[in-house]
Amino acid sequence: MSVEEARRSFADMAALQNVPEAVAKIEDCIVPGQPTDILVRTYTPAEKEPLPVLVDFHGGGWVVGNIAPHNRLCRTL
């Protein structure tokens, strides 16, 4: 399977996920990087009390996948 085929397969699997959990706010920002910039997404739940932080670094061998397939997982967490 080529890298492009693997990326398409990964995206197709993500499209099968159920509707994601609701969150109060989602913010995207770009972190400069080499060789490309990195999209960082922050999810803020509705709860107002101080909450812990969880950082999810998706893998995919750093070749396959992107932020989109992890949207539902991160919203649920």
PDB file of N, CA and C in Angstrom:
ATOM      1  N   MET A   1       0.854  -1.171   0.000  1.00  0.00           N
ATOM      2  CA  MET A   1       0.000   0.000   0.000  1.00  0.00           C
ATOM      3  C   MET A   1       0.901   1.235   0.000  1.00  0.00           C
ATOM      4  N   SER A   2       0.604   2.166  -0.873  1.00  0.00           N
ATOM      5  CA  SER A   2       1.395   3.398  -0.930  1.00  0.00           C
ATOM      6  C   SER A   2       0.999   4.328   0.219  1.00  0.00           C
ATOM      7  N   VAL A   3       1.785   5.352   0.450  1.00  0.00           N
ATOM      8  CA  VAL A   3       1.477   6.329   1.498  1.00  0.00           C
ATOM      9  C   VAL A   3       0.141   7.002   1.199  1.00  0.00           C
ATOM     10  N   GLU A   4      -0.089   7.388  -0.035  1.00  0.00           N
ATOM     11  CA  GLU A   4      -1.354   8.040  -0.400  1.00  0.00           C
ATOM     12  C   GLU A   4      -2.544   7.112  -0.173  1.00  0.00           C
ATOM     13  N   GLU A   5      -2.391   5.832  -0.510  1.00  0.00           N
ATOM     14  CA  GLU A   5      -3.464   4.858  -0.271  1.00  0.00           C
ATOM     15  C   GLU A   5      -3.712   4.691   1.224  1.00  0.00           C
ATOM     16  N   ALA A   6      -2.664   4.640   2.015  1.00  0.00           N
ATOM     17  CA  ALA A   6      -2.802   4.515   3.467  1.00  0.00           C
ATOM     18  C   ALA A   6      -3.501   5.738   4.047  1.00  0.00           C
ATOM     19  N   ARG A   7      -3.161   6.923   3.562  1.00  0.00           N
ATOM     20  CA  ARG A   7      -3.820   8.148   4.035  1.00  0.00           C
ATOM     21  C   ARG A   7      -5.309   8.130   3.702  1.00  0.00           C
ATOM     22  N   ARG A   8      -5.649   7.713   2.488  1.00  0.00           N
ATOM     23  CA  ARG A   8      -7.059   7.630   2.096  1.00  0.00           C
ATOM     24  C   ARG A   8      -7.803   6.617   2.963  1.00  0.00           C
ATOM     25  N   SER A   9      -7.185   5.472   3.216  1.00  0.00           N
ATOM     26  CA  SER A   9      -7.795   4.441   4.046  1.00  0.00           C
ATOM     27  C   SER A   9      -8.038   4.952   5.462  1.00  0.00           C
ATOM     28  N   PHE A  10      -7.054   5.646   6.014  1.00  0.00           N
ATOM     29  CA  PHE A  10      -7.163   6.216   7.359  1.00  0.00           C
ATOM     30  C   PHE A  10      -8.305   7.226   7.407  1.00  0.00           C
ATOM     31  N   ALA A  11      -8.403   8.093   6.397  1.00  0.00           N
ATOM     32  CA  ALA A  11      -9.470   9.097   6.332  1.00  0.00           C
ATOM     33  C   ALA A  11     -10.834   8.436   6.172  1.00  0.00           C
ATOM     34  N   ASP A  12     -10.908   7.377   5.376  1.00  0.00           N
ATOM     35  CA  ASP A  12     -12.167   6.651   5.188  1.00  0.00           C
ATOM     36  C   ASP A  12     -12.645   6.037   6.499  1.00  0.00           C
ATOM     37  N   MET A  13     -11.734   5.471   7.280  1.00  0.00           N
ATOM     38  CA  MET A  13     -12.102   4.892   8.582  1.00  0.00           C
ATOM     39  C   MET A  13     -12.605   5.978   9.527  1.00  0.00           C
ATOM     40  N   ALA A  14     -11.969   7.131   9.523  1.00  0.00           N
ATOM     41  CA  ALA A  14     -12.377   8.232  10.397  1.00  0.00           C
ATOM     42  C   ALA A  14     -13.775   8.723  10.036  1.00  0.00           C
ATOM     43  N   ALA A  15     -14.108   8.688   8.753  1.00  0.00           N
ATOM     44  CA  ALA A  15     -15.420   9.152   8.304  1.00  0.00           C
ATOM     45  C   ALA A  15     -16.549   8.256   8.813  1.00  0.00           C
ATOM     46  N   LEU A  16     -16.238   7.035   9.215  1.00  0.00           N
ATOM     47  CA  LEU A  16     -17.243   6.097   9.715  1.00  0.00           C
ATOM     48  C   LEU A  16     -17.590   6.331  11.181  1.00  0.00           C
ATOM     49  N   GLN A  17     -16.854   7.185  11.857  1.00  0.00           N
ATOM     50  CA  GLN A  17     -17.098   7.428  13.276  1.00  0.00           C
ATOM     51  C   GLN A  17     -18.440   8.125  13.473  1.00  0.00           C
ATOM     52  N   ASN A  18     -19.013   7.926  14.663  1.00  0.00           N
ATOM     53  CA  ASN A  18     -20.274   8.567  15.018  1.00  0.00           C
ATOM     54  C   ASN A  18     -20.078  10.072  15.170  1.00  0.00           C
ATOM     55  N   VAL A  19     -21.192  10.768  15.375  1.00  0.00           N
ATOM     56  CA  VAL A  19     -21.141  12.211  15.605  1.00  0.00           C
ATOM     57  C   VAL A  19     -20.303  12.468  16.855  1.00  0.00           C
ATOM     58  N   PRO A  20     -19.370  13.417  16.807  1.00  0.00           N
ATOM     59  CA  PRO A  20     -18.490  13.664  17.958  1.00  0.00           C
ATOM     60  C   PRO A  20     -19.216  14.308  19.133  1.00  0.00           C
ATOM     61  N   GLU A  21     -18.632  14.133  20.314  1.00  0.00           N
ATOM     62  CA  GLU A  21     -19.145  14.736  21.540  1.00  0.00           C
ATOM     63  C   GLU A  21     -19.122  16.259  21.426  1.00  0.00           C
ATOM     64  N   ALA A  22     -20.090  16.915  22.071  1.00  0.00           N
ATOM     65  CA  ALA A  22     -20.118  18.378  22.089  1.00  0.00           C
ATOM     66  C   ALA A  22     -19.082  18.900  23.085  1.00  0.00           C
ATOM     67  N   VAL A  23     -18.419  19.969  22.742  1.00  0.00           N
ATOM     68  CA  VAL A  23     -17.495  20.658  23.642  1.00  0.00           C
ATOM     69  C   VAL A  23     -17.813  22.145  23.576  1.00  0.00           C
ATOM     70  N   ALA A  24     -17.387  22.910  24.592  1.00  0.00           N
ATOM     71  CA  ALA A  24     -17.702  24.335  24.651  1.00  0.00           C
ATOM     72  C   ALA A  24     -16.969  25.139  23.587  1.00  0.00           C
ATOM     73  N   LYS A  25     -15.701  24.789  23.331  1.00  0.00           N
ATOM     74  CA  LYS A  25     -14.910  25.589  22.396  1.00  0.00           C
ATOM     75  C   LYS A  25     -13.818  24.738  21.767  1.00  0.00           C
ATOM     76  N   ILE A  26     -13.558  24.985  20.489  1.00  0.00           N
ATOM     77  CA  ILE A  26     -12.448  24.356  19.769  1.00  0.00           C
ATOM     78  C   ILE A  26     -11.651  25.477  19.118  1.00  0.00           C
ATOM     79  N   GLU A  27     -10.346  25.472  19.347  1.00  0.00           N
ATOM     80  CA  GLU A  27      -9.476  26.481  18.749  1.00  0.00           C
ATOM     81  C   GLU A  27      -8.346  25.791  17.994  1.00  0.00           C
ATOM     82  N   ASP A  28      -8.079  26.251  16.792  1.00  0.00           N
ATOM     83  CA  ASP A  28      -6.953  25.767  15.994  1.00  0.00           C
ATOM     84  C   ASP A  28      -5.899  26.861  15.908  1.00  0.00           C
ATOM     85  N   CYS A  29      -4.649  26.475  16.008  1.00  0.00           N
ATOM     86  CA  CYS A  29      -3.559  27.421  15.789  1.00  0.00           C
ATOM     87  C   CYS A  29      -2.423  26.684  15.079  1.00  0.00           C
ATOM     88  N   ILE A  30      -1.546  27.443  14.497  1.00  0.00           N
ATOM     89  CA  ILE A  30      -0.419  26.895  13.751  1.00  0.00           C
ATOM     90  C   ILE A  30       0.867  27.141  14.533  1.00  0.00           C
ATOM     91  N   VAL A  31       1.641  26.082  14.730  1.00  0.00           N
ATOM     92  CA  VAL A  31       2.951  26.181  15.369  1.00  0.00           C
ATOM     93  C   VAL A  31       3.997  26.039  14.265  1.00  0.00           C
ATOM     94  N   PRO A  32       4.875  27.033  14.114  1.00  0.00           N
ATOM     95  CA  PRO A  32       5.905  26.932  13.072  1.00  0.00           C
ATOM     96  C   PRO A  32       6.787  25.709  13.305  1.00  0.00           C
ATOM     97  N   GLY A  33       7.081  24.988  12.251  1.00  0.00           N
ATOM     98  CA  GLY A  33       7.924  23.799  12.359  1.00  0.00           C
ATOM     99  C   GLY A  33       8.697  23.561  11.081  1.00  0.00           C
ATOM    100  N   GLN A  34       9.563  22.578  11.124  1.00  0.00           N
ATOM    101  CA  GLN A  34      10.365  22.206   9.960  1.00  0.00           C
ATOM    102  C   GLN A  34      10.199  20.711   9.721  1.00  0.00           C
ATOM    103  N   PRO A  35       9.882  20.248   8.578  1.00  0.00           N
ATOM    104  CA  PRO A  35       9.838  20.996   7.323  1.00  0.00           C
ATOM    105  C   PRO A  35       8.507  21.702   7.092  1.00  0.00           C
ATOM    106  N   THR A  36       7.467  21.407   7.905  1.00  0.00           N
ATOM    107  CA  THR A  36       6.179  22.080   7.732  1.00  0.00           C
ATOM    108  C   THR A  36       5.669  22.570   9.073  1.00  0.00           C
ATOM    109  N   ASP A  37       4.726  23.494   9.028  1.00  0.00           N
ATOM    110  CA  ASP A  37       4.085  23.957  10.250  1.00  0.00           C
ATOM    111  C   ASP A  37       3.166  22.857  10.781  1.00  0.00           C
ATOM    112  N   ILE A  38       2.788  22.966  12.067  1.00  0.00           N
ATOM    113  CA  ILE A  38       1.987  21.941  12.727  1.00  0.00           C
ATOM    114  C   ILE A  38       0.677  22.556  13.193  1.00  0.00           C
ATOM    115  N   LEU A  39      -0.433  21.916  12.837  1.00  0.00           N
ATOM    116  CA  LEU A  39      -1.742  22.350  13.306  1.00  0.00           C
ATOM    117  C   LEU A  39      -1.951  21.805  14.712  1.00  0.00           C
ATOM    118  N   VAL A  40      -2.296  22.680  15.640  1.00  0.00           N
ATOM    119  CA  VAL A  40      -2.565  22.301  17.030  1.00  0.00           C
ATOM    120  C   VAL A  40      -4.015  22.666  17.323  1.00  0.00           C
ATOM    121  N   ARG A  41      -4.758  21.734  17.896  1.00  0.00           N
ATOM    122  CA  ARG A  41      -6.167  21.978  18.214  1.00  0.00           C
ATOM    123  C   ARG A  41      -6.358  21.864  19.720  1.00  0.00           C
ATOM    124  N   THR A  42      -7.071  22.842  20.281  1.00  0.00           N
ATOM    125  CA  THR A  42      -7.377  22.862  21.708  1.00  0.00           C
ATOM    126  C   THR A  42      -8.883  22.694  21.892  1.00  0.00           C
ATOM    127  N   TYR A  43      -9.263  21.731  22.733  1.00  0.00           N
ATOM    128  CA  TYR A  43     -10.667  21.481  23.049  1.00  0.00           C
ATOM    129  C   TYR A  43     -10.915  21.966  24.475  1.00  0.00           C
ATOM    130  N   THR A  44     -11.942  22.774  24.667  1.00  0.00           N
ATOM    131  CA  THR A  44     -12.290  23.263  25.996  1.00  0.00           C
ATOM    132  C   THR A  44     -13.666  22.714  26.364  1.00  0.00           C
ATOM    133  N   PRO A  45     -13.756  21.939  27.461  1.00  0.00           N
ATOM    134  CA  PRO A  45     -15.054  21.402  27.876  1.00  0.00           C
ATOM    135  C   PRO A  45     -15.913  22.495  28.512  1.00  0.00           C
ATOM    136  N   ALA A  46     -17.179  22.191  28.735  1.00  0.00           N
ATOM    137  CA  ALA A  46     -18.106  23.157  29.321  1.00  0.00           C
ATOM    138  C   ALA A  46     -17.848  23.390  30.809  1.00  0.00           C
ATOM    139  N   GLU A  47     -17.224  22.431  31.489  1.00  0.00           N
ATOM    140  CA  GLU A  47     -16.991  22.574  32.923  1.00  0.00           C
ATOM    141  C   GLU A  47     -16.129  23.803  33.202  1.00  0.00           C
ATOM    142  N   LYS A  48     -16.419  24.495  34.303  1.00  0.00           N
ATOM    143  CA  LYS A  48     -15.704  25.732  34.624  1.00  0.00           C
ATOM    144  C   LYS A  48     -14.587  25.545  35.645  1.00  0.00           C
ATOM    145  N   GLU A  49     -14.638  24.491  36.447  1.00  0.00           N
ATOM    146  CA  GLU A  49     -13.611  24.300  37.481  1.00  0.00           C
ATOM    147  C   GLU A  49     -12.252  24.025  36.834  1.00  0.00           C
ATOM    148  N   PRO A  50     -11.178  24.206  37.583  1.00  0.00           N
ATOM    149  CA  PRO A  50      -9.852  23.890  37.018  1.00  0.00           C
ATOM    150  C   PRO A  50      -9.804  22.421  36.587  1.00  0.00           C
ATOM    151  N   LEU A  51      -9.343  22.198  35.399  1.00  0.00           N
ATOM    152  CA  LEU A  51      -9.299  20.851  34.840  1.00  0.00           C
ATOM    153  C   LEU A  51      -7.875  20.479  34.463  1.00  0.00           C
ATOM    154  N   PRO A  52      -7.556  19.184  34.455  1.00  0.00           N
ATOM    155  CA  PRO A  52      -6.220  18.750  34.028  1.00  0.00           C
ATOM    156  C   PRO A  52      -6.052  18.940  32.520  1.00  0.00           C
ATOM    157  N   VAL A  53      -4.839  18.807  32.068  1.00  0.00           N
ATOM    158  CA  VAL A  53      -4.522  18.932  30.642  1.00  0.00           C
ATOM    159  C   VAL A  53      -4.077  17.570  30.125  1.00  0.00           C
ATOM    160  N   LEU A  54      -4.529  17.222  28.939  1.00  0.00           N
ATOM    161  CA  LEU A  54      -4.108  15.999  28.267  1.00  0.00           C
ATOM    162  C   LEU A  54      -3.579  16.399  26.897  1.00  0.00           C
ATOM    163  N   VAL A  55      -2.407  15.917  26.545  1.00  0.00           N
ATOM    164  CA  VAL A  55      -1.829  16.190  25.229  1.00  0.00           C
ATOM    165  C   VAL A  55      -1.811  14.884  24.452  1.00  0.00           C
ATOM    166  N   ASP A  56      -2.422  14.888  23.278  1.00  0.00           N
ATOM    167  CA  ASP A  56      -2.475  13.703  22.417  1.00  0.00           C
ATOM    168  C   ASP A  56      -1.613  13.962  21.192  1.00  0.00           C
ATOM    169  N   PHE A  57      -0.516  13.239  21.085  1.00  0.00           N
ATOM    170  CA  PHE A  57       0.333  13.302  19.896  1.00  0.00           C
ATOM    171  C   PHE A  57      -0.035  12.111  19.028  1.00  0.00           C
ATOM    172  N   HIS A  58      -0.758  12.355  17.946  1.00  0.00           N
ATOM    173  CA  HIS A  58      -1.154  11.231  17.102  1.00  0.00           C
ATOM    174  C   HIS A  58       0.073  10.676  16.395  1.00  0.00           C
ATOM    175  N   GLY A  59       0.024   9.406  16.124  1.00  0.00           N
ATOM    176  CA  GLY A  59       1.169   8.746  15.499  1.00  0.00           C
ATOM    177  C   GLY A  59       0.996   8.585  14.008  1.00  0.00           C
ATOM    178  N   GLY A  60       0.697   7.384  13.576  1.00  0.00           N
ATOM    179  CA  GLY A  60       0.596   7.122  12.145  1.00  0.00           C
ATOM    180  C   GLY A  60       1.969   7.046  11.508  1.00  0.00           C
ATOM    181  N   GLY A  61       2.979   6.793  12.346  1.00  0.00           N
ATOM    182  CA  GLY A  61       4.341   6.747  11.832  1.00  0.00           C
ATOM    183  C   GLY A  61       4.815   8.106  11.370  1.00  0.00           C
ATOM    184  N   TRP A  62       4.061   9.142  11.786  1.00  0.00           N
ATOM    185  CA  TRP A  62       4.360  10.519  11.376  1.00  0.00           C
ATOM    186  C   TRP A  62       4.275  10.675   9.866  1.00  0.00           C
ATOM    187  N   VAL A  63       3.571   9.738   9.212  1.00  0.00           N
ATOM    188  CA  VAL A  63       3.397   9.780   7.759  1.00  0.00           C
ATOM    189  C   VAL A  63       1.911   9.717   7.411  1.00  0.00           C
ATOM    190  N   VAL A  64       1.188   8.811   8.069  1.00  0.00           N
ATOM    191  CA  VAL A  64      -0.219   8.580   7.781  1.00  0.00           C
ATOM    192  C   VAL A  64      -1.059   9.252   8.863  1.00  0.00           C
ATOM    193  N   GLY A  65      -2.134   9.872   8.472  1.00  0.00           N
ATOM    194  CA  GLY A  65      -3.049  10.472   9.429  1.00  0.00           C
ATOM    195  C   GLY A  65      -2.808  11.960   9.590  1.00  0.00           C
ATOM    196  N   ASN A  66      -3.751  12.587  10.256  1.00  0.00           N
ATOM    197  CA  ASN A  66      -3.666  14.008  10.556  1.00  0.00           C
ATOM    198  C   ASN A  66      -4.587  14.292  11.725  1.00  0.00           C
ATOM    199  N   ILE A  67      -4.899  15.534  11.950  1.00  0.00           N
ATOM    200  CA  ILE A  67      -5.690  15.898  13.122  1.00  0.00           C
ATOM    201  C   ILE A  67      -7.149  15.439  13.015  1.00  0.00           C
ATOM    202  N   ALA A  68      -7.689  15.365  11.811  1.00  0.00           N
ATOM    203  CA  ALA A  68      -9.109  15.060  11.622  1.00  0.00           C
ATOM    204  C   ALA A  68      -9.548  13.713  12.202  1.00  0.00           C
ATOM    205  N   PRO A  69      -8.851  12.607  11.957  1.00  0.00           N
ATOM    206  CA  PRO A  69      -9.316  11.328  12.494  1.00  0.00           C
ATOM    207  C   PRO A  69      -9.305  11.255  14.027  1.00  0.00           C
ATOM    208  N   HIS A  70      -8.585  12.129  14.676  1.00  0.00           N
ATOM    209  CA  HIS A  70      -8.506  12.104  16.136  1.00  0.00           C
ATOM    210  C   HIS A  70      -9.505  13.050  16.786  1.00  0.00           C
ATOM    211  N   ASN A  71     -10.312  13.735  15.979  1.00  0.00           N
ATOM    212  CA  ASN A  71     -11.262  14.698  16.503  1.00  0.00           C
ATOM    213  C   ASN A  71     -12.232  14.069  17.503  1.00  0.00           C
ATOM    214  N   ARG A  72     -12.857  12.950  17.135  1.00  0.00           N
ATOM    215  CA  ARG A  72     -13.838  12.322  18.028  1.00  0.00           C
ATOM    216  C   ARG A  72     -13.173  11.830  19.307  1.00  0.00           C
ATOM    217  N   LEU A  73     -12.031  11.190  19.190  1.00  0.00           N
ATOM    218  CA  LEU A  73     -11.310  10.713  20.372  1.00  0.00           C
ATOM    219  C   LEU A  73     -11.005  11.872  21.320  1.00  0.00           C
ATOM    220  N   CYS A  74     -10.467  12.943  20.799  1.00  0.00           N
ATOM    221  CA  CYS A  74     -10.094  14.076  21.652  1.00  0.00           C
ATOM    222  C   CYS A  74     -11.312  14.751  22.259  1.00  0.00           C
ATOM    223  N   ARG A  75     -12.405  14.824  21.534  1.00  0.00           N
ATOM    224  CA  ARG A  75     -13.632  15.401  22.098  1.00  0.00           C
ATOM    225  C   ARG A  75     -14.154  14.527  23.239  1.00  0.00           C
ATOM    226  N   THR A  76     -14.052  13.220  23.091  1.00  0.00           N
ATOM    227  CA  THR A  76     -14.538  12.297  24.113  1.00  0.00           C
ATOM    228  C   THR A  76     -13.684  12.361  25.369  1.00  0.00           C
ATOM    229  N   LEU A  77     -12.371  12.479  25.188  1.00  0.00           N
ATOM    230  CA  LEU A  77     -11.475  12.543  26.343  1.00  0.00           C
ATOM    231  C   LEU A  77     -11.743  13.782  27.155  1.00  0.00           C
TER     232      LEU A  77
END
